[in-house]
PDB file of N, CA and C in Angstrom:
ATOM      1  N   LEU A   1       0.805  -1.036  -0.017  1.00  0.00           N
ATOM      2  CA  LEU A   1      -0.116  -0.386   0.188  1.00  0.00           C
ATOM      3  C   LEU A   1       0.491   1.304   0.094  1.00  0.00           C
ATOM      4  N   TRP A   2       1.729   1.425   0.800  1.00  0.00           N
ATOM      5  CA  TRP A   2       3.304   2.435   1.128  1.00  0.00           C
ATOM      6  C   TRP A   2       3.614   2.790   0.011  1.00  0.00           C
ATOM      7  N   GLU A   3       4.077   1.652  -0.956  1.00  0.00           N
ATOM      8  CA  GLU A   3       5.191   1.531  -1.666  1.00  0.00           C
ATOM      9  C   GLU A   3       4.654   2.217  -3.061  1.00  0.00           C
ATOM     10  N   ARG A   4       3.366   2.129  -2.990  1.00  0.00           N
ATOM     11  CA  ARG A   4       2.850   2.360  -4.422  1.00  0.00           C
ATOM     12  C   ARG A   4       3.342   3.988  -4.511  1.00  0.00           C
ATOM     13  N   PRO A   5       3.871   4.950  -5.898  1.00  0.00           N
ATOM     14  CA  PRO A   5       4.457   6.007  -6.480  1.00  0.00           C
ATOM     15  C   PRO A   5       3.601   6.961  -5.658  1.00  0.00           C
ATOM     16  N   GLU A   6       2.113   7.135  -5.779  1.00  0.00           N
ATOM     17  CA  GLU A   6       1.303   8.119  -5.322  1.00  0.00           C
ATOM     18  C   GLU A   6       1.326   8.278  -3.700  1.00  0.00           C
ATOM     19  N   THR A   7       1.210   6.976  -3.357  1.00  0.00           N
ATOM     20  CA  THR A   7       1.269   7.378  -1.382  1.00  0.00           C
ATOM     21  C   THR A   7       2.562   7.368  -1.070  1.00  0.00           C
ATOM     22  N   ALA A   8       2.968   6.518  -1.731  1.00  0.00           N
ATOM     23  CA  ALA A   8       5.017   6.937  -1.435  1.00  0.00           C
ATOM     24  C   ALA A   8       5.045   8.228  -0.657  1.00  0.00           C
ATOM     25  N   ALA A   9       4.824   8.946  -2.493  1.00  0.00           N
ATOM     26  CA  ALA A   9       4.984  10.811  -2.493  1.00  0.00           C
ATOM     27  C   ALA A   9       4.117  11.389  -1.138  1.00  0.00           C
ATOM     28  N   PHE A  10       2.833  11.015  -0.622  1.00  0.00           N
ATOM     29  CA  PHE A  10       2.384  11.650  -0.074  1.00  0.00           C
ATOM     30  C   PHE A  10       2.622  11.686   1.529  1.00  0.00           C
ATOM     31  N   VAL A  11       3.053  10.476   1.672  1.00  0.00           N
ATOM     32  CA  VAL A  11       3.553  10.167   2.895  1.00  0.00           C
ATOM     33  C   VAL A  11       5.296  10.877   3.211  1.00  0.00           C
ATOM     34  N   ALA A  12       5.629  10.737   2.445  1.00  0.00           N
ATOM     35  CA  ALA A  12       7.050  11.579   2.133  1.00  0.00           C
ATOM     36  C   ALA A  12       7.275  12.911   2.196  1.00  0.00           C
ATOM     37  N   LYS A  13       6.110  13.481   1.806  1.00  0.00           N
ATOM     38  CA  LYS A  13       5.758  14.881   2.236  1.00  0.00           C
ATOM     39  C   LYS A  13       5.056  15.194   3.322  1.00  0.00           C
ATOM     40  N   LEU A  14       4.421  14.102   3.991  1.00  0.00           N
ATOM     41  CA  LEU A  14       3.345  14.580   5.234  1.00  0.00           C
ATOM     42  C   LEU A  14       4.505  13.758   6.411  1.00  0.00           C
ATOM     43  N   SER A  15       5.697  13.276   6.301  1.00  0.00           N
ATOM     44  CA  SER A  15       6.486  13.180   7.211  1.00  0.00           C
ATOM     45  C   SER A  15       7.610  14.474   7.144  1.00  0.00           C
ATOM     46  N   ALA A  16       7.985  14.927   6.280  1.00  0.00           N
ATOM     47  CA  ALA A  16       8.765  16.384   5.869  1.00  0.00           C
ATOM     48  C   ALA A  16       7.885  17.563   6.913  1.00  0.00           C
ATOM     49  N   LEU A  17       7.035  17.269   6.906  1.00  0.00           N
ATOM     50  CA  LEU A  17       5.691  18.572   7.262  1.00  0.00           C
ATOM     51  C   LEU A  17       5.413  18.401   8.927  1.00  0.00           C
ATOM     52  N   SER A  18       5.415  16.764   9.298  1.00  0.00           N
ATOM     53  CA  SER A  18       5.255  16.514  10.961  1.00  0.00           C
ATOM     54  C   SER A  18       5.755  17.198  11.980  1.00  0.00           C
ATOM     55  N   HIS A  19       5.132  16.942  13.148  1.00  0.00           N
ATOM     56  CA  HIS A  19       5.587  17.355  14.471  1.00  0.00           C
ATOM     57  C   HIS A  19       5.025  16.282  15.467  1.00  0.00           C
ATOM     58  N   ALA A  20       5.275  16.766  16.686  1.00  0.00           N
ATOM     59  CA  ALA A  20       4.759  15.739  17.519  1.00  0.00           C
ATOM     60  C   ALA A  20       3.381  15.296  17.989  1.00  0.00           C
ATOM     61  N   GLY A  21       2.490  16.798  17.406  1.00  0.00           N
ATOM     62  CA  GLY A  21       0.866  16.441  17.384  1.00  0.00           C
ATOM     63  C   GLY A  21       0.873  16.141  15.970  1.00  0.00           C
ATOM     64  N   THR A  22       1.307  15.694  15.409  1.00  0.00           N
ATOM     65  CA  THR A  22       0.732  15.396  13.451  1.00  0.00           C
ATOM     66  C   THR A  22       0.093  14.010  13.995  1.00  0.00           C
ATOM     67  N   ARG A  23      -0.980  13.848  13.344  1.00  0.00           N
ATOM     68  CA  ARG A  23      -1.734  12.840  12.893  1.00  0.00           C
ATOM     69  C   ARG A  23      -2.059  12.628  11.666  1.00  0.00           C
ATOM     70  N   LEU A  24      -2.011  10.734  10.916  1.00  0.00           N
ATOM     71  CA  LEU A  24      -2.205  10.267   9.933  1.00  0.00           C
ATOM     72  C   LEU A  24      -3.205   9.621  10.076  1.00  0.00           C
ATOM     73  N   ILE A  25      -4.660   9.834   9.475  1.00  0.00           N
ATOM     74  CA  ILE A  25      -5.639   8.894   9.757  1.00  0.00           C
ATOM     75  C   ILE A  25      -6.305   8.260   8.192  1.00  0.00           C
ATOM     76  N   LEU A  26      -6.268   7.113   8.574  1.00  0.00           N
ATOM     77  CA  LEU A  26      -6.986   6.345   7.589  1.00  0.00           C
ATOM     78  C   LEU A  26      -8.061   5.494   7.575  1.00  0.00           C
ATOM     79  N   GLU A  27      -8.717   5.882   6.838  1.00  0.00           N
ATOM     80  CA  GLU A  27     -10.208   5.037   7.006  1.00  0.00           C
ATOM     81  C   GLU A  27     -10.174   3.879   6.144  1.00  0.00           C
ATOM     82  N   THR A  28     -10.562   2.648   6.941  1.00  0.00           N
ATOM     83  CA  THR A  28     -10.564   1.444   5.816  1.00  0.00           C
ATOM     84  C   THR A  28     -11.972   0.634   6.218  1.00  0.00           C
ATOM     85  N   PRO A  29     -11.784  -0.879   5.569  1.00  0.00           N
ATOM     86  CA  PRO A  29     -13.117  -1.688   6.501  1.00  0.00           C
ATOM     87  C   PRO A  29     -12.306  -2.765   7.470  1.00  0.00           C
ATOM     88  N   ALA A  30     -13.135  -2.514   8.327  1.00  0.00           N
ATOM     89  CA  ALA A  30     -12.637  -3.022   9.608  1.00  0.00           C
ATOM     90  C   ALA A  30     -11.613  -4.481   9.728  1.00  0.00           C
ATOM     91  N   GLY A  31     -11.793  -5.184   8.318  1.00  0.00           N
ATOM     92  CA  GLY A  31     -11.228  -6.351   7.975  1.00  0.00           C
ATOM     93  C   GLY A  31      -9.955  -5.923   7.771  1.00  0.00           C
ATOM     94  N   PHE A  32      -9.684  -4.804   7.181  1.00  0.00           N
ATOM     95  CA  PHE A  32      -8.059  -4.803   6.864  1.00  0.00           C
ATOM     96  C   PHE A  32      -7.158  -4.470   7.561  1.00  0.00           C
ATOM     97  N   GLU A  33      -5.747  -4.792   8.079  1.00  0.00           N
ATOM     98  CA  GLU A  33      -5.361  -4.706   8.349  1.00  0.00           C
ATOM     99  C   GLU A  33      -4.093  -3.495   7.831  1.00  0.00           C
ATOM    100  N   PRO A  34      -4.070  -2.190   7.460  1.00  0.00           N
ATOM    101  CA  PRO A  34      -3.161  -1.425   6.880  1.00  0.00           C
ATOM    102  C   PRO A  34      -1.657  -1.797   7.500  1.00  0.00           C
ATOM    103  N   PRO A  35      -0.753  -1.955   6.675  1.00  0.00           N
ATOM    104  CA  PRO A  35       0.707  -1.947   6.682  1.00  0.00           C
ATOM    105  C   PRO A  35       1.028  -0.102   7.688  1.00  0.00           C
ATOM    106  N   VAL A  36       1.788  -0.677   8.590  1.00  0.00           N
ATOM    107  CA  VAL A  36       2.637   0.714   8.846  1.00  0.00           C
ATOM    108  C   VAL A  36       3.548   1.622   8.512  1.00  0.00           C
ATOM    109  N   PRO A  37       3.257   3.006   7.750  1.00  0.00           N
ATOM    110  CA  PRO A  37       4.240   3.022   6.970  1.00  0.00           C
ATOM    111  C   PRO A  37       5.172   3.733   7.537  1.00  0.00           C
ATOM    112  N   ALA A  38       6.874   3.803   6.866  1.00  0.00           N
ATOM    113  CA  ALA A  38       8.048   3.869   7.587  1.00  0.00           C
ATOM    114  C   ALA A  38       8.023   5.145   8.177  1.00  0.00           C
ATOM    115  N   GLY A  39       8.563   5.347   9.354  1.00  0.00           N
ATOM    116  CA  GLY A  39       8.401   6.368  10.011  1.00  0.00           C
ATOM    117  C   GLY A  39       7.434   6.471  10.945  1.00  0.00           C
ATOM    118  N   TRP A  40       6.204   5.324  11.001  1.00  0.00           N
ATOM    119  CA  TRP A  40       4.885   5.912  11.842  1.00  0.00           C
ATOM    120  C   TRP A  40       4.948   4.929  12.676  1.00  0.00           C
ATOM    121  N   THR A  41       4.010   5.324  13.747  1.00  0.00           N
ATOM    122  CA  THR A  41       3.469   4.008  14.886  1.00  0.00           C
ATOM    123  C   THR A  41       2.272   3.890  14.466  1.00  0.00           C
ATOM    124  N   LEU A  42       1.333   3.024  14.884  1.00  0.00           N
ATOM    125  CA  LEU A  42       0.088   2.833  14.774  1.00  0.00           C
ATOM    126  C   LEU A  42      -0.262   3.251  16.264  1.00  0.00           C
ATOM    127  N   LEU A  43      -1.185   3.936  16.818  1.00  0.00           N
ATOM    128  CA  LEU A  43      -1.421   5.125  17.521  1.00  0.00           C
ATOM    129  C   LEU A  43      -2.599   4.123  18.226  1.00  0.00           C
ATOM    130  N   ARG A  44      -3.559   3.937  17.321  1.00  0.00           N
ATOM    131  CA  ARG A  44      -4.814   3.342  17.699  1.00  0.00           C
ATOM    132  C   ARG A  44      -5.966   3.039  16.347  1.00  0.00           C
ATOM    133  N   ARG A  45      -6.757   1.913  16.906  1.00  0.00           N
ATOM    134  CA  ARG A  45      -7.543   1.412  15.965  1.00  0.00           C
ATOM    135  C   ARG A  45      -8.933   1.902  16.592  1.00  0.00           C
ATOM    136  N   ILE A  46      -9.471   2.718  15.925  1.00  0.00           N
ATOM    137  CA  ILE A  46     -11.047   3.158  16.052  1.00  0.00           C
ATOM    138  C   ILE A  46     -12.413   2.575  15.430  1.00  0.00           C
ATOM    139  N   GLY A  47     -12.990   2.209  15.608  1.00  0.00           N
ATOM    140  CA  GLY A  47     -14.334   1.608  14.728  1.00  0.00           C
ATOM    141  C   GLY A  47     -14.826   0.151  15.139  1.00  0.00           C
ATOM    142  N   LYS A  48     -16.053  -0.025  14.659  1.00  0.00           N
ATOM    143  CA  LYS A  48     -16.260  -1.777  14.465  1.00  0.00           C
ATOM    144  C   LYS A  48     -15.502  -2.608  14.229  1.00  0.00           C
ATOM    145  N   LYS A  49     -15.666  -4.129  14.598  1.00  0.00           N
ATOM    146  CA  LYS A  49     -15.147  -5.132  14.094  1.00  0.00           C
ATOM    147  C   LYS A  49     -15.412  -6.143  13.174  1.00  0.00           C
ATOM    148  N   GLY A  50     -16.740  -5.856  12.757  1.00  0.00           N
ATOM    149  CA  GLY A  50     -17.842  -6.423  11.981  1.00  0.00           C
ATOM    150  C   GLY A  50     -17.144  -6.263  10.546  1.00  0.00           C
ATOM    151  N   LYS A  51     -17.565  -7.229   9.575  1.00  0.00           N
ATOM    152  CA  LYS A  51     -17.214  -7.368   8.141  1.00  0.00           C
ATOM    153  C   LYS A  51     -17.686  -6.186   7.823  1.00  0.00           C
ATOM    154  N   ASP A  52     -16.555  -5.379   6.901  1.00  0.00           N
ATOM    155  CA  ASP A  52     -17.268  -4.422   5.861  1.00  0.00           C
ATOM    156  C   ASP A  52     -17.619  -2.949   6.945  1.00  0.00           C
ATOM    157  N   GLN A  53     -17.391  -2.663   8.356  1.00  0.00           N
ATOM    158  CA  GLN A  53     -17.929  -1.684   9.030  1.00  0.00           C
ATOM    159  C   GLN A  53     -16.622  -0.892   8.794  1.00  0.00           C
ATOM    160  N   PRO A  54     -16.963   0.525   9.020  1.00  0.00           N
ATOM    161  CA  PRO A  54     -15.728   1.361   9.012  1.00  0.00           C
ATOM    162  C   PRO A  54     -14.980   1.148  10.121  1.00  0.00           C
ATOM    163  N   CYS A  55     -13.624   1.572   9.854  1.00  0.00           N
ATOM    164  CA  CYS A  55     -12.488   1.573  10.862  1.00  0.00           C
ATOM    165  C   CYS A  55     -11.570   2.650  10.554  1.00  0.00           C
ATOM    166  N   ALA A  56     -10.939   3.231  11.759  1.00  0.00           N
ATOM    167  CA  ALA A  56      -9.745   4.447  11.249  1.00  0.00           C
ATOM    168  C   ALA A  56      -8.615   4.050  12.202  1.00  0.00           C
ATOM    169  N   SER A  57      -7.837   4.039  11.331  1.00  0.00           N
ATOM    170  CA  SER A  57      -6.458   3.307  11.968  1.00  0.00           C
ATOM    171  C   SER A  57      -5.635   4.894  11.660  1.00  0.00           C
ATOM    172  N   VAL A  58      -5.145   5.201  13.298  1.00  0.00           N
ATOM    173  CA  VAL A  58      -4.266   6.852  13.438  1.00  0.00           C
ATOM    174  C   VAL A  58      -2.713   6.237  13.741  1.00  0.00           C
ATOM    175  N   PHE A  59      -2.385   6.870  12.929  1.00  0.00           N
ATOM    176  CA  PHE A  59      -0.751   6.942  13.122  1.00  0.00           C
ATOM    177  C   PHE A  59      -0.176   7.675  13.711  1.00  0.00           C
ATOM    178  N   VAL A  60       1.000   7.852  14.370  1.00  0.00           N
ATOM    179  CA  VAL A  60       1.760   9.081  14.790  1.00  0.00           C
ATOM    180  C   VAL A  60       3.301   8.835  14.174  1.00  0.00           C
ATOM    181  N   PRO A  61       3.835   9.918  14.225  1.00  0.00           N
ATOM    182  CA  PRO A  61       5.682  10.039  13.214  1.00  0.00           C
ATOM    183  C   PRO A  61       6.082   8.928  14.756  1.00  0.00           C
ATOM    184  N   ALA A  62       6.986   8.020  14.010  1.00  0.00           N
ATOM    185  CA  ALA A  62       7.842   7.140  15.305  1.00  0.00           C
ATOM    186  C   ALA A  62       8.605   8.675  15.831  1.00  0.00           C
ATOM    187  N   ALA A  63       8.928   8.143  17.197  1.00  0.00           N
ATOM    188  CA  ALA A  63      10.209   8.683  17.903  1.00  0.00           C
ATOM    189  C   ALA A  63      11.489   9.034  17.383  1.00  0.00           C
TER     190      ALA A  63
END
């Protein structure tokens, strides 16, 4: 997911502008476990656990 040119460029730009308060929020179906982008840490997942229910993954810059 993060290796695709369009998403890799987005994460690189966001990483360059990030600070301790930056959050990257990715909404996906609950059954999908997105990989953690390089330089980021998964803070928490918010949402329902049922199939095809919305879920948000909240990432923060790695320390």
